[in-house]
Amino acid sequence: QVQLVESGGGLVQAGGSLRLSCAASGRDISMNAMDWYRQAPGKQREFLATILSGGDTYYAVSVKGRFTISRDNAKNTVALQMNSLKPEDTAVYYCHVRNQGYDYWGQGTQVTVSS
């Protein structure tokens, strides 16, 4: 089993920045891709970014150029640096990893962007 714990959410004004972190434990996930998703009220969960074990990254169009995903394999952590935040970025943010055929999700961290 893999446990994922997100942190770093909060309330920020439009144009501001936040850095989310996700710590993984239970298994070594250094060879797995790790992702960030978000879910706004009344909407489906939305893919944001993924980082492969070697460091290659991919982003959703909605966040490309504003968000940066990174990982520290030695610490089993993944981060999401979010800049130029907009009110429409308000959501619960989740990290995700698929390990040995199973999907694991964190509990989520709330990000609220005020206008």
N, C-alpha and C. Protein backbone atom coordinates (compact mmCIF):
# COMPACT_ATOMS: atom_id res chain seq x y z
N GLN A 1 0.84 -1.19 0.00
CA GLN A 1 0.00 0.00 0.00
C GLN A 1 0.88 1.25 0.00
N VAL A 2 0.34 2.28 -0.63
CA VAL A 2 1.01 3.58 -0.66
C VAL A 2 0.11 4.59 0.03
N GLN A 3 0.68 5.37 0.91
CA GLN A 3 -0.05 6.47 1.53
C GLN A 3 0.50 7.78 0.96
N LEU A 4 -0.44 8.65 0.61
CA LEU A 4 -0.08 9.97 0.07
C LEU A 4 -0.69 11.04 0.96
N VAL A 5 0.10 12.01 1.35
CA VAL A 5 -0.38 13.10 2.19
C VAL A 5 0.01 14.42 1.55
N GLU A 6 -1.02 15.20 1.18
CA GLU A 6 -0.78 16.52 0.60
C GLU A 6 -0.74 17.58 1.70
N SER A 7 -0.04 18.67 1.39
CA SER A 7 -0.01 19.82 2.28
C SER A 7 0.27 21.06 1.44
N GLY A 8 0.04 22.22 2.06
CA GLY A 8 0.40 23.47 1.41
C GLY A 8 -0.75 24.27 0.86
N GLY A 9 -1.97 23.74 0.94
CA GLY A 9 -3.11 24.50 0.45
C GLY A 9 -3.42 25.68 1.35
N GLY A 10 -4.36 26.51 0.89
CA GLY A 10 -4.76 27.65 1.70
C GLY A 10 -5.49 28.68 0.86
N LEU A 11 -5.62 29.86 1.44
CA LEU A 11 -6.31 30.98 0.80
C LEU A 11 -5.28 31.96 0.27
N VAL A 12 -5.43 32.35 -0.99
CA VAL A 12 -4.49 33.28 -1.60
C VAL A 12 -5.26 34.21 -2.52
N GLN A 13 -4.76 35.41 -2.69
CA GLN A 13 -5.40 36.36 -3.61
C GLN A 13 -5.02 36.03 -5.05
N ALA A 14 -5.88 36.43 -5.96
CA ALA A 14 -5.59 36.25 -7.38
C ALA A 14 -4.24 36.87 -7.72
N GLY A 15 -3.48 36.16 -8.52
CA GLY A 15 -2.13 36.60 -8.87
C GLY A 15 -1.05 36.08 -7.95
N GLY A 16 -1.46 35.50 -6.85
CA GLY A 16 -0.51 34.99 -5.88
C GLY A 16 0.00 33.60 -6.21
N SER A 17 0.77 33.05 -5.29
CA SER A 17 1.40 31.75 -5.50
C SER A 17 1.19 30.86 -4.28
N LEU A 18 1.19 29.56 -4.53
CA LEU A 18 1.19 28.55 -3.48
C LEU A 18 2.06 27.39 -3.94
N ARG A 19 2.60 26.68 -2.99
CA ARG A 19 3.38 25.47 -3.30
C ARG A 19 2.77 24.30 -2.54
N LEU A 20 2.30 23.32 -3.27
CA LEU A 20 1.74 22.12 -2.68
C LEU A 20 2.82 21.03 -2.62
N SER A 21 2.74 20.23 -1.58
CA SER A 21 3.64 19.10 -1.45
C SER A 21 2.84 17.83 -1.22
N CYS A 22 3.40 16.72 -1.65
CA CYS A 22 2.79 15.42 -1.43
C CYS A 22 3.88 14.46 -1.01
N ALA A 23 3.70 13.86 0.14
CA ALA A 23 4.67 12.90 0.66
C ALA A 23 4.11 11.49 0.53
N ALA A 24 4.89 10.61 -0.05
CA ALA A 24 4.48 9.22 -0.22
C ALA A 24 5.21 8.33 0.77
N SER A 25 4.51 7.35 1.27
CA SER A 25 5.12 6.38 2.17
C SER A 25 4.50 5.01 1.92
N GLY A 26 5.16 4.01 2.44
CA GLY A 26 4.65 2.64 2.31
C GLY A 26 5.39 1.82 1.27
N ARG A 27 5.68 2.42 0.15
CA ARG A 27 6.43 1.76 -0.92
C ARG A 27 7.31 2.77 -1.62
N ASP A 28 8.32 2.27 -2.28
CA ASP A 28 9.18 3.11 -3.10
C ASP A 28 8.44 3.44 -4.39
N ILE A 29 8.17 4.72 -4.61
CA ILE A 29 7.45 5.13 -5.83
C ILE A 29 8.38 5.88 -6.78
N SER A 30 9.67 5.76 -6.56
CA SER A 30 10.61 6.53 -7.37
C SER A 30 10.57 6.15 -8.86
N MET A 31 10.10 4.95 -9.18
CA MET A 31 10.03 4.52 -10.58
C MET A 31 8.66 4.75 -11.19
N ASN A 32 7.75 5.33 -10.43
CA ASN A 32 6.39 5.59 -10.91
C ASN A 32 6.20 7.04 -11.28
N ALA A 33 5.35 7.27 -12.28
CA ALA A 33 4.92 8.63 -12.55
C ALA A 33 4.05 9.12 -11.40
N MET A 34 4.14 10.38 -11.11
CA MET A 34 3.29 10.98 -10.08
C MET A 34 2.55 12.17 -10.69
N ASP A 35 1.33 12.35 -10.24
CA ASP A 35 0.44 13.33 -10.87
C ASP A 35 -0.22 14.23 -9.84
N TRP A 36 -0.69 15.35 -10.33
CA TRP A 36 -1.58 16.22 -9.56
C TRP A 36 -2.88 16.37 -10.32
N TYR A 37 -3.96 16.34 -9.58
CA TYR A 37 -5.31 16.57 -10.09
C TYR A 37 -5.98 17.59 -9.19
N ARG A 38 -7.11 18.08 -9.64
CA ARG A 38 -7.94 18.93 -8.79
C ARG A 38 -9.40 18.69 -9.10
N GLN A 39 -10.22 19.03 -8.13
CA GLN A 39 -11.66 18.91 -8.30
C GLN A 39 -12.35 20.10 -7.67
N ALA A 40 -13.04 20.84 -8.51
CA ALA A 40 -13.83 21.98 -8.04
C ALA A 40 -15.24 21.51 -7.74
N PRO A 41 -15.96 22.24 -6.89
CA PRO A 41 -17.34 21.84 -6.56
C PRO A 41 -18.20 21.69 -7.81
N GLY A 42 -18.89 20.56 -7.91
CA GLY A 42 -19.79 20.32 -9.02
C GLY A 42 -19.11 19.94 -10.32
N LYS A 43 -17.79 19.76 -10.27
CA LYS A 43 -17.06 19.43 -11.50
C LYS A 43 -16.33 18.09 -11.34
N GLN A 44 -15.95 17.52 -12.47
CA GLN A 44 -15.18 16.28 -12.44
C GLN A 44 -13.73 16.56 -12.06
N ARG A 45 -13.08 15.52 -11.56
CA ARG A 45 -11.67 15.64 -11.24
C ARG A 45 -10.90 15.90 -12.53
N GLU A 46 -9.96 16.84 -12.46
CA GLU A 46 -9.25 17.33 -13.63
C GLU A 46 -7.76 17.06 -13.49
N PHE A 47 -7.17 16.47 -14.54
CA PHE A 47 -5.72 16.26 -14.56
C PHE A 47 -5.01 17.61 -14.70
N LEU A 48 -3.92 17.77 -13.97
CA LEU A 48 -3.13 19.01 -14.04
C LEU A 48 -1.73 18.78 -14.59
N ALA A 49 -1.02 17.82 -14.01
CA ALA A 49 0.39 17.65 -14.38
C ALA A 49 0.86 16.27 -13.96
N THR A 50 1.86 15.78 -14.69
CA THR A 50 2.48 14.52 -14.33
C THR A 50 3.99 14.65 -14.47
N ILE A 51 4.71 13.91 -13.66
CA ILE A 51 6.16 13.88 -13.76
C ILE A 51 6.59 12.42 -13.73
N LEU A 52 7.36 12.04 -14.74
CA LEU A 52 7.84 10.67 -14.84
C LEU A 52 9.04 10.47 -13.92
N SER A 53 9.42 9.22 -13.76
CA SER A 53 10.51 8.92 -12.84
C SER A 53 11.81 9.61 -13.24
N GLY A 54 12.00 9.80 -14.54
CA GLY A 54 13.22 10.44 -15.02
C GLY A 54 13.16 11.95 -15.04
N GLY A 55 11.99 12.49 -14.71
CA GLY A 55 11.86 13.94 -14.61
C GLY A 55 11.09 14.60 -15.74
N ASP A 56 10.74 13.87 -16.79
CA ASP A 56 9.92 14.47 -17.85
C ASP A 56 8.57 14.89 -17.28
N THR A 57 8.08 16.02 -17.75
CA THR A 57 6.84 16.58 -17.23
C THR A 57 5.85 16.85 -18.35
N TYR A 58 4.56 16.79 -18.00
CA TYR A 58 3.49 17.09 -18.93
C TYR A 58 2.42 17.85 -18.16
N TYR A 59 1.79 18.81 -18.84
CA TYR A 59 0.83 19.68 -18.17
C TYR A 59 -0.46 19.80 -18.97
N ALA A 60 -1.54 20.03 -18.24
CA ALA A 60 -2.79 20.40 -18.87
C ALA A 60 -2.66 21.81 -19.43
N VAL A 61 -3.38 22.07 -20.50
CA VAL A 61 -3.31 23.39 -21.13
C VAL A 61 -3.69 24.49 -20.14
N SER A 62 -4.64 24.18 -19.27
CA SER A 62 -5.16 25.20 -18.34
C SER A 62 -4.12 25.70 -17.35
N VAL A 63 -3.06 24.93 -17.12
CA VAL A 63 -2.07 25.33 -16.12
C VAL A 63 -0.66 25.47 -16.68
N LYS A 64 -0.46 25.08 -17.92
CA LYS A 64 0.88 25.15 -18.50
C LYS A 64 1.39 26.58 -18.50
N GLY A 65 2.61 26.74 -18.03
CA GLY A 65 3.20 28.07 -17.94
C GLY A 65 2.98 28.75 -16.60
N ARG A 66 2.03 28.24 -15.81
CA ARG A 66 1.76 28.81 -14.49
C ARG A 66 2.14 27.85 -13.37
N PHE A 67 1.96 26.55 -13.61
CA PHE A 67 2.24 25.53 -12.60
C PHE A 67 3.49 24.75 -13.00
N THR A 68 4.25 24.34 -11.99
CA THR A 68 5.44 23.52 -12.22
C THR A 68 5.44 22.34 -11.27
N ILE A 69 5.55 21.14 -11.82
CA ILE A 69 5.61 19.93 -11.01
C ILE A 69 7.07 19.52 -10.87
N SER A 70 7.41 19.02 -9.69
CA SER A 70 8.77 18.55 -9.45
C SER A 70 8.71 17.39 -8.47
N ARG A 71 9.79 16.65 -8.38
CA ARG A 71 9.83 15.52 -7.45
C ARG A 71 11.21 15.38 -6.86
N ASP A 72 11.23 14.77 -5.70
CA ASP A 72 12.47 14.42 -5.03
C ASP A 72 12.39 12.92 -4.74
N ASN A 73 13.03 12.12 -5.56
CA ASN A 73 12.92 10.67 -5.41
C ASN A 73 13.55 10.17 -4.12
N ALA A 74 14.56 10.86 -3.66
CA ALA A 74 15.21 10.45 -2.41
C ALA A 74 14.26 10.60 -1.22
N LYS A 75 13.36 11.58 -1.33
CA LYS A 75 12.43 11.84 -0.22
C LYS A 75 11.03 11.31 -0.50
N ASN A 76 10.83 10.72 -1.70
CA ASN A 76 9.49 10.22 -2.06
C ASN A 76 8.45 11.33 -2.01
N THR A 77 8.79 12.49 -2.53
CA THR A 77 7.86 13.61 -2.52
C THR A 77 7.68 14.18 -3.94
N VAL A 78 6.53 14.80 -4.13
CA VAL A 78 6.25 15.53 -5.36
C VAL A 78 5.64 16.87 -4.97
N ALA A 79 5.98 17.89 -5.70
CA ALA A 79 5.51 19.23 -5.39
C ALA A 79 4.83 19.85 -6.61
N LEU A 80 3.98 20.82 -6.33
CA LEU A 80 3.34 21.59 -7.40
C LEU A 80 3.45 23.07 -7.04
N GLN A 81 4.29 23.77 -7.76
CA GLN A 81 4.42 25.21 -7.59
C GLN A 81 3.39 25.89 -8.47
N MET A 82 2.52 26.68 -7.86
CA MET A 82 1.43 27.32 -8.58
C MET A 82 1.60 28.83 -8.53
N ASN A 83 1.78 29.45 -9.67
CA ASN A 83 1.95 30.89 -9.78
C ASN A 83 0.79 31.50 -10.56
N SER A 84 0.67 32.80 -10.45
CA SER A 84 -0.37 33.53 -11.19
C SER A 84 -1.73 32.89 -11.00
N LEU A 85 -2.06 32.61 -9.76
CA LEU A 85 -3.31 31.90 -9.47
C LEU A 85 -4.53 32.75 -9.81
N LYS A 86 -5.57 32.06 -10.25
CA LYS A 86 -6.82 32.69 -10.65
C LYS A 86 -7.97 32.14 -9.80
N PRO A 87 -9.05 32.88 -9.67
CA PRO A 87 -10.19 32.35 -8.90
C PRO A 87 -10.67 30.99 -9.42
N GLU A 88 -10.56 30.75 -10.70
CA GLU A 88 -10.99 29.47 -11.25
C GLU A 88 -10.05 28.32 -10.90
N ASP A 89 -8.94 28.61 -10.26
CA ASP A 89 -8.06 27.55 -9.75
C ASP A 89 -8.55 27.02 -8.40
N THR A 90 -9.57 27.63 -7.84
CA THR A 90 -10.12 27.17 -6.57
C THR A 90 -10.64 25.75 -6.70
N ALA A 91 -10.13 24.86 -5.84
CA ALA A 91 -10.49 23.44 -5.91
C ALA A 91 -9.78 22.70 -4.78
N VAL A 92 -10.13 21.44 -4.65
CA VAL A 92 -9.34 20.53 -3.81
C VAL A 92 -8.31 19.87 -4.72
N TYR A 93 -7.07 19.91 -4.29
CA TYR A 93 -5.96 19.39 -5.09
C TYR A 93 -5.50 18.05 -4.51
N TYR A 94 -5.30 17.09 -5.43
CA TYR A 94 -4.94 15.73 -5.03
C TYR A 94 -3.66 15.29 -5.75
N CYS A 95 -2.83 14.56 -5.04
CA CYS A 95 -1.75 13.87 -5.74
C CYS A 95 -2.14 12.41 -5.94
N HIS A 96 -1.53 11.81 -6.93
CA HIS A 96 -1.91 10.46 -7.37
C HIS A 96 -0.66 9.72 -7.84
N VAL A 97 -0.67 8.43 -7.58
CA VAL A 97 0.36 7.56 -8.12
C VAL A 97 -0.26 6.21 -8.43
N ARG A 98 0.18 5.61 -9.50
CA ARG A 98 -0.22 4.25 -9.83
C ARG A 98 0.98 3.35 -9.57
N ASN A 99 0.82 2.46 -8.63
CA ASN A 99 1.93 1.61 -8.18
C ASN A 99 1.48 0.15 -8.16
N GLN A 100 2.22 -0.69 -8.85
CA GLN A 100 1.93 -2.13 -8.92
C GLN A 100 0.47 -2.39 -9.28
N GLY A 101 -0.04 -1.60 -10.23
CA GLY A 101 -1.37 -1.83 -10.76
C GLY A 101 -2.50 -1.20 -9.98
N TYR A 102 -2.20 -0.50 -8.92
CA TYR A 102 -3.23 0.13 -8.10
C TYR A 102 -3.07 1.65 -8.13
N ASP A 103 -4.21 2.32 -8.07
CA ASP A 103 -4.23 3.78 -8.01
C ASP A 103 -4.34 4.23 -6.56
N TYR A 104 -3.49 5.17 -6.19
CA TYR A 104 -3.50 5.72 -4.84
C TYR A 104 -3.68 7.23 -4.92
N TRP A 105 -4.53 7.74 -4.01
CA TRP A 105 -4.84 9.15 -3.94
C TRP A 105 -4.60 9.66 -2.53
N GLY A 106 -4.18 10.91 -2.45
CA GLY A 106 -4.13 11.55 -1.15
C GLY A 106 -5.52 12.02 -0.74
N GLN A 107 -5.59 12.62 0.43
CA GLN A 107 -6.88 13.08 0.95
C GLN A 107 -7.29 14.42 0.37
N GLY A 108 -6.34 15.10 -0.26
CA GLY A 108 -6.64 16.38 -0.88
C GLY A 108 -6.31 17.55 0.01
N THR A 109 -6.00 18.67 -0.62
CA THR A 109 -5.76 19.91 0.11
C THR A 109 -6.49 21.04 -0.61
N GLN A 110 -7.20 21.85 0.17
CA GLN A 110 -8.04 22.90 -0.40
C GLN A 110 -7.20 24.11 -0.81
N VAL A 111 -7.43 24.57 -2.01
CA VAL A 111 -6.85 25.83 -2.50
C VAL A 111 -7.99 26.76 -2.85
N THR A 112 -7.99 27.94 -2.25
CA THR A 112 -9.01 28.93 -2.52
C THR A 112 -8.34 30.22 -2.99
N VAL A 113 -8.74 30.69 -4.16
CA VAL A 113 -8.16 31.90 -4.73
C VAL A 113 -9.24 32.98 -4.75
N SER A 114 -9.02 34.04 -4.03
CA SER A 114 -10.00 35.13 -3.97
C SER A 114 -9.72 36.17 -5.05
N SER A 115 -10.78 36.78 -5.51
CA SER A 115 -10.63 37.79 -6.58
C SER A 115 -10.43 39.18 -6.02
